[in-house]
Amino acid sequence: MRLLCLLSFLHGLEASRSLAGMGISLADVQGLFSRQRLSSDQAVVSNRSVTSLDATTSKKKEKHPCSQVVSGAEDRERSHWFGGDCKCPAGYVVAGKSWECKDALGKQKFSSKIGPTKCHCAATSECESMVLGAKQRNSYKKNPDRPCKCEDHDFVLEGKAPQCAVFLGERYFPNTLPPQECYCHRANLVEYDCSEIAHGAVETDKQQKRCICPEGLFLGGEDQQCKDFYGAHIFPKRLKPGLCTCSANARPDHGRGSGKHLAMAVLPLFLLWWI
């Protein structure tokens, strides 16, 4: 054993002399190995971070019980390669606010991966019998969320029913409104600048006359018109000025969890790096 230690020492001494002859010090060699080890550790942490983020992304897209995603919905029994794994009963479609129901709005079949919402299955009606002065759009198949329209180009939706509130002043609307509670009326609503309706908002769609809050902010406020669009990033120009605000506190509930999951995934990596 002593002989082996001695040979190892002599070999190291000879290597040190060779390096010295080449103008390389032992400190330089140690520094090189130290940098390689640091680079290797950073690569490991980076790979773990990517893995954690991938796991977080896949978790956000996991399936949920259909009845929790949309009230009144049920699982599809047959193959669901197209349309999603959930469905509303025959003659019913997903109804609610567009920023909550997302791509499922106006559809009978949808995916449970959109996550729990406040939307529900509602019975459909013929546009003509549902709203006076309305008719079905020629492009209704491409616009399942708003398949109806006021027939006259200068008319928009009016009505006092709560279900009409979100679509007041708009020409296009869904086929799930209560029959004969809303009607088409000549547009005479006053329009305001987006910044007057909610500070910081700007116009985003001149044709549809819509405003948008700054990135990361959503519409909020105590007035009823603000509650009708609470949590929306985009809203119509027909709202009254000075009653609503663009605020981060109005962020939709279903969007808060993803940030929390991401923070929980990154925190262990930060602690590992710090230690």
C-alpha atoms as a PDB file:
ATOM      1  CA  MET A   1       0.000   0.000   0.000  1.00  0.00           C
ATOM      2  CA  ARG A   2       2.803   2.403   0.897  1.00  0.00           C
ATOM      3  CA  LEU A   3       4.519   1.537  -2.373  1.00  0.00           C
ATOM      4  CA  LEU A   4       1.367   2.417  -4.329  1.00  0.00           C
ATOM      5  CA  CYS A   5       1.043   5.747  -2.505  1.00  0.00           C
ATOM      6  CA  LEU A   6       4.669   6.554  -3.227  1.00  0.00           C
ATOM      7  CA  LEU A   7       4.274   5.719  -6.946  1.00  0.00           C
ATOM      8  CA  SER A   8       1.139   7.866  -7.135  1.00  0.00           C
ATOM      9  CA  PHE A   9       2.972  10.760  -5.490  1.00  0.00           C
ATOM     10  CA  LEU A  10       5.932  10.473  -7.874  1.00  0.00           C
ATOM     11  CA  HIS A  11       3.583  10.277 -10.880  1.00  0.00           C
ATOM     12  CA  GLY A  12       1.775  13.406  -9.734  1.00  0.00           C
ATOM     13  CA  LEU A  13       5.065  15.191  -9.145  1.00  0.00           C
ATOM     14  CA  GLU A  14       6.281  14.295 -12.619  1.00  0.00           C
ATOM     15  CA  ALA A  15       3.006  15.499 -14.147  1.00  0.00           C
ATOM     16  CA  SER A  16       3.308  18.782 -12.255  1.00  0.00           C
ATOM     17  CA  ARG A  17       6.833  19.304 -13.602  1.00  0.00           C
ATOM     18  CA  SER A  18       5.625  18.570 -17.150  1.00  0.00           C
ATOM     19  CA  LEU A  19       2.868  21.128 -16.821  1.00  0.00           C
ATOM     20  CA  ALA A  20       5.307  23.648 -15.389  1.00  0.00           C
ATOM     21  CA  GLY A  21       7.527  23.113 -18.405  1.00  0.00           C
ATOM     22  CA  MET A  22       4.559  23.917 -20.627  1.00  0.00           C
ATOM     23  CA  GLY A  23       3.857  27.121 -18.701  1.00  0.00           C
ATOM     24  CA  ILE A  24       0.736  25.707 -17.006  1.00  0.00           C
ATOM     25  CA  SER A  25       0.410  25.833 -13.237  1.00  0.00           C
ATOM     26  CA  LEU A  26      -1.376  23.346 -11.035  1.00  0.00           C
ATOM     27  CA  ALA A  27      -3.851  26.104 -10.071  1.00  0.00           C
ATOM     28  CA  ASP A  28      -4.787  26.475 -13.753  1.00  0.00           C
ATOM     29  CA  VAL A  29      -5.569  22.763 -13.989  1.00  0.00           C
ATOM     30  CA  GLN A  30      -7.629  22.858 -10.800  1.00  0.00           C
ATOM     31  CA  GLY A  31      -9.517  25.883 -12.099  1.00  0.00           C
ATOM     32  CA  LEU A  32     -10.297  24.066 -15.355  1.00  0.00           C
ATOM     33  CA  PHE A  33     -11.741  21.049 -13.517  1.00  0.00           C
ATOM     34  CA  SER A  34     -13.720  23.389 -11.233  1.00  0.00           C
ATOM     35  CA  ARG A  35     -15.284  25.193 -14.223  1.00  0.00           C
ATOM     36  CA  GLN A  36     -16.146  21.881 -15.891  1.00  0.00           C
ATOM     37  CA  ARG A  37     -17.855  20.672 -12.729  1.00  0.00           C
ATOM     38  CA  LEU A  38     -19.827  23.934 -12.416  1.00  0.00           C
ATOM     39  CA  SER A  39     -20.932  23.666 -16.056  1.00  0.00           C
ATOM     40  CA  SER A  40     -22.015  20.070 -15.467  1.00  0.00           C
ATOM     41  CA  ASP A  41     -24.012  21.053 -12.363  1.00  0.00           C
ATOM     42  CA  GLN A  42     -25.743  23.860 -14.272  1.00  0.00           C
ATOM     43  CA  ALA A  43     -26.663  21.441 -17.066  1.00  0.00           C
ATOM     44  CA  VAL A  44     -28.201  19.060 -14.527  1.00  0.00           C
ATOM     45  CA  VAL A  45     -30.230  21.877 -12.952  1.00  0.00           C
ATOM     46  CA  SER A  46     -31.334  23.086 -16.388  1.00  0.00           C
ATOM     47  CA  ASN A  47     -32.501  19.600 -17.350  1.00  0.00           C
ATOM     48  CA  ARG A  48     -34.408  19.295 -14.087  1.00  0.00           C
ATOM     49  CA  SER A  49     -36.015  22.697 -14.696  1.00  0.00           C
ATOM     50  CA  VAL A  50     -37.183  21.682 -18.169  1.00  0.00           C
ATOM     51  CA  THR A  51     -38.524  18.403 -16.795  1.00  0.00           C
ATOM     52  CA  SER A  52     -40.391  20.211 -14.013  1.00  0.00           C
ATOM     53  CA  LEU A  53     -41.870  22.753 -16.421  1.00  0.00           C
ATOM     54  CA  ASP A  54     -42.951  19.962 -18.782  1.00  0.00           C
ATOM     55  CA  ALA A  55     -44.627  18.211 -15.859  1.00  0.00           C
ATOM     56  CA  THR A  56     -46.367  21.466 -14.913  1.00  0.00           C
ATOM     57  CA  THR A  57     -47.579  22.004 -18.482  1.00  0.00           C
ATOM     58  CA  SER A  58     -48.921  18.471 -18.724  1.00  0.00           C
ATOM     59  CA  LYS A  59     -50.610  18.856 -15.359  1.00  0.00           C
ATOM     60  CA  LYS A  60     -52.485  21.949 -16.554  1.00  0.00           C
ATOM     61  CA  LYS A  61     -53.832  19.911 -19.456  1.00  0.00           C
ATOM     62  CA  GLU A  62     -55.021  16.958 -17.401  1.00  0.00           C
ATOM     63  CA  LYS A  63     -58.584  15.738 -17.714  1.00  0.00           C
ATOM     64  CA  HIS A  64     -61.334  16.724 -15.273  1.00  0.00           C
ATOM     65  CA  PRO A  65     -64.819  15.340 -14.574  1.00  0.00           C
ATOM     66  CA  CYS A  66     -67.127  16.712 -17.270  1.00  0.00           C
ATOM     67  CA  SER A  67     -69.736  17.860 -14.729  1.00  0.00           C
ATOM     68  CA  GLN A  68     -67.075  20.003 -13.023  1.00  0.00           C
ATOM     69  CA  VAL A  69     -65.888  21.517 -16.281  1.00  0.00           C
ATOM     70  CA  VAL A  70     -69.396  22.486 -17.450  1.00  0.00           C
ATOM     71  CA  SER A  71     -72.483  22.168 -15.279  1.00  0.00           C
ATOM     72  CA  GLY A  72     -74.935  19.656 -16.755  1.00  0.00           C
ATOM     73  CA  ALA A  73     -72.335  17.968 -18.986  1.00  0.00           C
ATOM     74  CA  GLU A  74     -71.589  14.242 -19.066  1.00  0.00           C
ATOM     75  CA  ASP A  75     -68.909  11.879 -20.354  1.00  0.00           C
ATOM     76  CA  ARG A  76     -69.085  10.687 -23.924  1.00  0.00           C
ATOM     77  CA  GLU A  77     -69.548   6.919 -24.058  1.00  0.00           C
ATOM     78  CA  ARG A  78     -68.300   6.306 -27.583  1.00  0.00           C
ATOM     79  CA  SER A  79     -64.961   7.092 -29.183  1.00  0.00           C
ATOM     80  CA  HIS A  80     -64.124  10.765 -28.890  1.00  0.00           C
ATOM     81  CA  TRP A  81     -61.229  11.331 -31.242  1.00  0.00           C
ATOM     82  CA  PHE A  82     -63.003  14.471 -32.447  1.00  0.00           C
ATOM     83  CA  GLY A  83     -64.910  17.035 -30.420  1.00  0.00           C
ATOM     84  CA  GLY A  84     -63.555  16.121 -26.977  1.00  0.00           C
ATOM     85  CA  ASP A  85     -64.458  13.675 -24.224  1.00  0.00           C
ATOM     86  CA  CYS A  86     -67.421  15.616 -22.768  1.00  0.00           C
ATOM     87  CA  LYS A  87     -70.837  16.567 -24.112  1.00  0.00           C
ATOM     88  CA  CYS A  88     -74.013  18.425 -23.280  1.00  0.00           C
ATOM     89  CA  PRO A  89     -77.354  16.599 -23.717  1.00  0.00           C
ATOM     90  CA  ALA A  90     -78.947  16.610 -27.171  1.00  0.00           C
ATOM     91  CA  GLY A  91     -80.317  20.064 -28.004  1.00  0.00           C
ATOM     92  CA  TYR A  92     -78.007  21.743 -25.485  1.00  0.00           C
ATOM     93  CA  VAL A  93     -74.677  23.545 -25.915  1.00  0.00           C
ATOM     94  CA  VAL A  94     -72.138  25.207 -23.638  1.00  0.00           C
ATOM     95  CA  ALA A  95     -73.289  28.653 -22.496  1.00  0.00           C
ATOM     96  CA  GLY A  96     -71.669  31.335 -20.356  1.00  0.00           C
ATOM     97  CA  LYS A  97     -69.080  34.063 -20.704  1.00  0.00           C
ATOM     98  CA  SER A  98     -66.616  33.654 -23.556  1.00  0.00           C
ATOM     99  CA  TRP A  99     -63.515  34.233 -21.402  1.00  0.00           C
ATOM    100  CA  GLU A 100     -64.611  31.450 -19.051  1.00  0.00           C
ATOM    101  CA  CYS A 101     -65.941  28.845 -21.511  1.00  0.00           C
ATOM    102  CA  LYS A 102     -63.107  29.422 -23.999  1.00  0.00           C
ATOM    103  CA  ASP A 103     -63.305  27.252 -27.137  1.00  0.00           C
ATOM    104  CA  ALA A 104     -66.197  25.200 -25.729  1.00  0.00           C
ATOM    105  CA  LEU A 105     -68.683  28.077 -25.946  1.00  0.00           C
ATOM    106  CA  GLY A 106     -71.607  27.229 -28.220  1.00  0.00           C
ATOM    107  CA  LYS A 107     -70.521  23.628 -28.760  1.00  0.00           C
ATOM    108  CA  GLN A 108     -72.224  20.426 -27.664  1.00  0.00           C
ATOM    109  CA  LYS A 109     -68.991  18.417 -27.467  1.00  0.00           C
ATOM    110  CA  PHE A 110     -65.836  19.703 -25.829  1.00  0.00           C
ATOM    111  CA  SER A 111     -62.655  18.652 -24.046  1.00  0.00           C
ATOM    112  CA  SER A 112     -62.399  18.307 -20.274  1.00  0.00           C
ATOM    113  CA  LYS A 113     -58.837  19.656 -20.465  1.00  0.00           C
ATOM    114  CA  ILE A 114     -60.091  23.256 -20.444  1.00  0.00           C
ATOM    115  CA  GLY A 115     -60.495  22.792 -16.684  1.00  0.00           C
ATOM    116  CA  PRO A 116     -63.358  23.655 -14.300  1.00  0.00           C
ATOM    117  CA  THR A 117     -65.433  26.681 -15.366  1.00  0.00           C
ATOM    118  CA  LYS A 118     -68.620  28.503 -14.389  1.00  0.00           C
ATOM    119  CA  CYS A 119     -70.255  27.584 -17.700  1.00  0.00           C
ATOM    120  CA  HIS A 120     -73.329  25.388 -18.112  1.00  0.00           C
ATOM    121  CA  CYS A 121     -75.279  23.432 -20.698  1.00  0.00           C
ATOM    122  CA  ALA A 122     -78.182  25.494 -22.042  1.00  0.00           C
ATOM    123  CA  ALA A 123     -80.996  24.645 -24.446  1.00  0.00           C
ATOM    124  CA  THR A 124     -80.723  26.083 -27.936  1.00  0.00           C
ATOM    125  CA  SER A 125     -83.468  27.917 -29.820  1.00  0.00           C
ATOM    126  CA  GLU A 126     -84.004  29.043 -33.386  1.00  0.00           C
ATOM    127  CA  CYS A 127     -82.661  32.550 -33.784  1.00  0.00           C
ATOM    128  CA  GLU A 128     -85.889  33.856 -35.357  1.00  0.00           C
ATOM    129  CA  SER A 129     -88.129  32.595 -32.521  1.00  0.00           C
ATOM    130  CA  MET A 130     -85.667  33.496 -29.783  1.00  0.00           C
ATOM    131  CA  VAL A 131     -85.050  37.154 -30.601  1.00  0.00           C
ATOM    132  CA  LEU A 132     -87.385  39.418 -32.531  1.00  0.00           C
ATOM    133  CA  GLY A 133     -85.651  40.674 -35.674  1.00  0.00           C
ATOM    134  CA  ALA A 134     -82.904  38.027 -35.586  1.00  0.00           C
ATOM    135  CA  LYS A 135     -81.868  35.327 -38.043  1.00  0.00           C
ATOM    136  CA  GLN A 136     -79.237  32.609 -38.290  1.00  0.00           C
ATOM    137  CA  ARG A 137     -75.864  33.690 -39.646  1.00  0.00           C
ATOM    138  CA  ASN A 138     -74.697  32.257 -42.964  1.00  0.00           C
ATOM    139  CA  SER A 139     -71.415  31.405 -41.221  1.00  0.00           C
ATOM    140  CA  TYR A 140     -73.047  29.853 -38.141  1.00  0.00           C
ATOM    141  CA  LYS A 141     -70.955  26.669 -38.424  1.00  0.00           C
ATOM    142  CA  LYS A 142     -67.758  28.712 -38.187  1.00  0.00           C
ATOM    143  CA  ASN A 143     -69.148  30.757 -35.298  1.00  0.00           C
ATOM    144  CA  PRO A 144     -70.852  28.288 -32.913  1.00  0.00           C
ATOM    145  CA  ASP A 145     -70.421  30.727 -30.019  1.00  0.00           C
ATOM    146  CA  ARG A 146     -72.536  33.397 -31.820  1.00  0.00           C
ATOM    147  CA  PRO A 147     -74.629  31.762 -34.558  1.00  0.00           C
ATOM    148  CA  CYS A 148     -77.388  34.397 -34.482  1.00  0.00           C
ATOM    149  CA  LYS A 149     -77.453  38.002 -35.676  1.00  0.00           C
ATOM    150  CA  CYS A 150     -79.778  40.951 -35.994  1.00  0.00           C
ATOM    151  CA  GLU A 151     -80.965  40.855 -39.603  1.00  0.00           C
ATOM    152  CA  ASP A 152     -80.726  44.608 -40.107  1.00  0.00           C
ATOM    153  CA  HIS A 153     -77.120  45.887 -40.241  1.00  0.00           C
ATOM    154  CA  ASP A 154     -78.020  48.936 -38.143  1.00  0.00           C
ATOM    155  CA  PHE A 155     -79.688  46.938 -35.357  1.00  0.00           C
ATOM    156  CA  VAL A 156     -78.148  45.499 -32.191  1.00  0.00           C
ATOM    157  CA  LEU A 157     -79.348  43.371 -29.284  1.00  0.00           C
ATOM    158  CA  GLU A 158     -81.397  44.974 -26.522  1.00  0.00           C
ATOM    159  CA  GLY A 159     -83.243  43.555 -23.511  1.00  0.00           C
ATOM    160  CA  LYS A 160     -83.480  43.594 -19.721  1.00  0.00           C
ATOM    161  CA  ALA A 161     -82.948  39.880 -19.044  1.00  0.00           C
ATOM    162  CA  PRO A 162     -79.610  39.090 -17.294  1.00  0.00           C
ATOM    163  CA  GLN A 163     -78.707  36.651 -20.078  1.00  0.00           C
ATOM    164  CA  CYS A 164     -78.888  39.510 -22.596  1.00  0.00           C
ATOM    165  CA  ALA A 165     -76.601  41.808 -20.610  1.00  0.00           C
ATOM    166  CA  VAL A 166     -73.276  40.524 -21.910  1.00  0.00           C
ATOM    167  CA  PHE A 167     -74.394  40.926 -25.541  1.00  0.00           C
ATOM    168  CA  LEU A 168     -76.264  44.239 -25.357  1.00  0.00           C
ATOM    169  CA  GLY A 169     -75.309  46.576 -28.161  1.00  0.00           C
ATOM    170  CA  GLU A 170     -73.844  43.778 -30.296  1.00  0.00           C
ATOM    171  CA  ARG A 171     -75.185  42.450 -33.568  1.00  0.00           C
ATOM    172  CA  TYR A 172     -74.047  38.823 -33.076  1.00  0.00           C
ATOM    173  CA  PHE A 173     -75.081  36.627 -30.124  1.00  0.00           C
ATOM    174  CA  PRO A 174     -75.570  32.956 -29.065  1.00  0.00           C
ATOM    175  CA  ASN A 175     -78.685  30.819 -29.572  1.00  0.00           C
ATOM    176  CA  THR A 176     -79.057  30.091 -25.848  1.00  0.00           C
ATOM    177  CA  LEU A 177     -80.782  33.334 -24.771  1.00  0.00           C
ATOM    178  CA  PRO A 178     -84.232  33.084 -23.140  1.00  0.00           C
ATOM    179  CA  PRO A 179     -86.915  33.239 -25.860  1.00  0.00           C
ATOM    180  CA  GLN A 180     -88.601  36.600 -26.369  1.00  0.00           C
ATOM    181  CA  GLU A 181     -86.597  38.271 -23.589  1.00  0.00           C
ATOM    182  CA  CYS A 182     -84.233  40.084 -25.938  1.00  0.00           C
ATOM    183  CA  TYR A 183     -84.896  41.896 -29.227  1.00  0.00           C
ATOM    184  CA  CYS A 184     -83.077  43.677 -32.035  1.00  0.00           C
ATOM    185  CA  HIS A 185     -83.285  47.467 -31.918  1.00  0.00           C
ATOM    186  CA  ARG A 186     -81.715  50.270 -33.905  1.00  0.00           C
ATOM    187  CA  ALA A 187     -78.302  51.061 -32.492  1.00  0.00           C
ATOM    188  CA  ASN A 188     -78.388  54.337 -30.613  1.00  0.00           C
ATOM    189  CA  LEU A 189     -75.929  53.665 -27.803  1.00  0.00           C
ATOM    190  CA  VAL A 190     -73.259  56.264 -27.132  1.00  0.00           C
ATOM    191  CA  GLU A 191     -69.672  55.080 -27.572  1.00  0.00           C
ATOM    192  CA  TYR A 192     -66.748  56.263 -25.453  1.00  0.00           C
ATOM    193  CA  ASP A 193     -63.005  56.048 -25.792  1.00  0.00           C
ATOM    194  CA  CYS A 194     -61.579  52.872 -24.269  1.00  0.00           C
ATOM    195  CA  SER A 195     -59.393  54.879 -21.868  1.00  0.00           C
ATOM    196  CA  GLU A 196     -62.530  56.649 -20.588  1.00  0.00           C
ATOM    197  CA  ILE A 197     -64.248  53.345 -19.834  1.00  0.00           C
ATOM    198  CA  ALA A 198     -61.227  51.853 -18.034  1.00  0.00           C
ATOM    199  CA  HIS A 199     -57.940  53.654 -17.503  1.00  0.00           C
ATOM    200  CA  GLY A 200     -55.145  52.147 -19.596  1.00  0.00           C
ATOM    201  CA  ALA A 201     -57.446  50.329 -22.024  1.00  0.00           C
ATOM    202  CA  VAL A 202     -57.021  50.815 -25.774  1.00  0.00           C
ATOM    203  CA  GLU A 203     -59.074  49.947 -28.855  1.00  0.00           C
ATOM    204  CA  THR A 204     -58.293  46.503 -30.286  1.00  0.00           C
ATOM    205  CA  ASP A 205     -61.059  45.845 -32.831  1.00  0.00           C
ATOM    206  CA  LYS A 206     -62.587  48.793 -34.705  1.00  0.00           C
ATOM    207  CA  GLN A 207     -65.089  46.670 -36.604  1.00  0.00           C
ATOM    208  CA  GLN A 208     -66.455  44.935 -33.490  1.00  0.00           C
ATOM    209  CA  LYS A 209     -65.855  48.090 -31.400  1.00  0.00           C
ATOM    210  CA  ARG A 210     -63.934  46.435 -28.582  1.00  0.00           C
ATOM    211  CA  CYS A 211     -61.344  47.524 -26.041  1.00  0.00           C
ATOM    212  CA  ILE A 212     -58.505  45.611 -24.392  1.00  0.00           C
ATOM    213  CA  CYS A 213     -56.868  46.016 -20.987  1.00  0.00           C
ATOM    214  CA  PRO A 214     -53.040  46.116 -20.748  1.00  0.00           C
ATOM    215  CA  GLU A 215     -51.215  42.789 -20.551  1.00  0.00           C
ATOM    216  CA  GLY A 216     -51.842  41.040 -17.225  1.00  0.00           C
ATOM    217  CA  LEU A 217     -54.816  43.256 -16.319  1.00  0.00           C
ATOM    218  CA  PHE A 218     -58.519  42.383 -16.478  1.00  0.00           C
ATOM    219  CA  LEU A 219     -61.776  44.308 -16.249  1.00  0.00           C
ATOM    220  CA  GLY A 220     -63.237  44.762 -12.772  1.00  0.00           C
ATOM    221  CA  GLY A 221     -65.496  47.083 -10.803  1.00  0.00           C
ATOM    222  CA  GLU A 222     -68.550  47.169  -8.549  1.00  0.00           C
ATOM    223  CA  ASP A 223     -71.031  48.453 -11.135  1.00  0.00           C
ATOM    224  CA  GLN A 224     -73.290  45.826 -12.714  1.00  0.00           C
ATOM    225  CA  GLN A 225     -71.933  46.470 -16.213  1.00  0.00           C
ATOM    226  CA  CYS A 226     -68.424  45.755 -14.869  1.00  0.00           C
ATOM    227  CA  LYS A 227     -69.609  42.556 -13.184  1.00  0.00           C
ATOM    228  CA  ASP A 228     -71.116  41.391 -16.486  1.00  0.00           C
ATOM    229  CA  PHE A 229     -67.593  41.468 -17.951  1.00  0.00           C
ATOM    230  CA  TYR A 230     -65.634  40.804 -14.742  1.00  0.00           C
ATOM    231  CA  GLY A 231     -62.337  39.066 -15.481  1.00  0.00           C
ATOM    232  CA  ALA A 232     -62.487  39.799 -19.224  1.00  0.00           C
ATOM    233  CA  HIS A 233     -59.367  41.011 -21.018  1.00  0.00           C
ATOM    234  CA  ILE A 234     -61.429  42.361 -23.945  1.00  0.00           C
ATOM    235  CA  PHE A 235     -64.715  44.265 -23.574  1.00  0.00           C
ATOM    236  CA  PRO A 236     -67.083  46.366 -25.765  1.00  0.00           C
ATOM    237  CA  LYS A 237     -66.892  50.131 -26.172  1.00  0.00           C
ATOM    238  CA  ARG A 238     -70.543  50.550 -25.189  1.00  0.00           C
ATOM    239  CA  LEU A 239     -69.797  50.462 -21.431  1.00  0.00           C
ATOM    240  CA  LYS A 240     -70.273  53.676 -19.496  1.00  0.00           C
ATOM    241  CA  PRO A 241     -67.138  55.657 -18.573  1.00  0.00           C
ATOM    242  CA  GLY A 242     -65.542  55.896 -15.148  1.00  0.00           C
ATOM    243  CA  LEU A 243     -67.182  52.830 -13.580  1.00  0.00           C
ATOM    244  CA  CYS A 244     -64.771  50.004 -14.429  1.00  0.00           C
ATOM    245  CA  THR A 245     -61.033  49.504 -14.015  1.00  0.00           C
ATOM    246  CA  CYS A 246     -58.297  47.344 -15.529  1.00  0.00           C
ATOM    247  CA  SER A 247     -56.840  45.504 -12.562  1.00  0.00           C
ATOM    248  CA  ALA A 248     -54.675  42.474 -11.831  1.00  0.00           C
ATOM    249  CA  ASN A 249     -57.050  41.648  -8.949  1.00  0.00           C
ATOM    250  CA  ALA A 250     -59.782  40.826 -11.474  1.00  0.00           C
ATOM    251  CA  ARG A 251     -57.779  37.929 -12.912  1.00  0.00           C
ATOM    252  CA  PRO A 252     -60.068  34.914 -13.586  1.00  0.00           C
ATOM    253  CA  ASP A 253     -59.886  32.232 -10.878  1.00  0.00           C
ATOM    254  CA  HIS A 254     -58.957  29.447 -13.287  1.00  0.00           C
ATOM    255  CA  GLY A 255     -55.799  31.306 -14.280  1.00  0.00           C
ATOM    256  CA  ARG A 256     -54.353  31.702 -10.797  1.00  0.00           C
ATOM    257  CA  GLY A 257     -53.427  28.094 -10.211  1.00  0.00           C
ATOM    258  CA  SER A 258     -50.947  27.847 -13.104  1.00  0.00           C
ATOM    259  CA  GLY A 259     -48.721  30.550 -11.614  1.00  0.00           C
ATOM    260  CA  LYS A 260     -48.814  28.821  -8.249  1.00  0.00           C
ATOM    261  CA  HIS A 261     -47.849  25.468  -9.778  1.00  0.00           C
ATOM    262  CA  LEU A 262     -45.015  27.079 -11.694  1.00  0.00           C
ATOM    263  CA  ALA A 263     -43.686  28.748  -8.551  1.00  0.00           C
ATOM    264  CA  MET A 264     -43.824  25.457  -6.657  1.00  0.00           C
ATOM    265  CA  ALA A 265     -41.930  23.751  -9.481  1.00  0.00           C
ATOM    266  CA  VAL A 266     -39.196  26.397  -9.675  1.00  0.00           C
ATOM    267  CA  LEU A 267     -38.719  26.852  -5.907  1.00  0.00           C
ATOM    268  CA  PRO A 268     -36.963  23.481  -5.297  1.00  0.00           C
ATOM    269  CA  LEU A 269     -34.623  24.210  -8.218  1.00  0.00           C
ATOM    270  CA  PHE A 270     -33.739  27.587  -6.752  1.00  0.00           C
ATOM    271  CA  LEU A 271     -33.018  26.025  -3.346  1.00  0.00           C
ATOM    272  CA  LEU A 272     -30.909  23.306  -4.975  1.00  0.00           C
ATOM    273  CA  TRP A 273     -28.876  25.939  -6.814  1.00  0.00           C
ATOM    274  CA  TRP A 274     -28.520  28.056  -3.677  1.00  0.00           C
ATOM    275  CA  ILE A 275     -27.263  25.121  -1.577  1.00  0.00           C
END
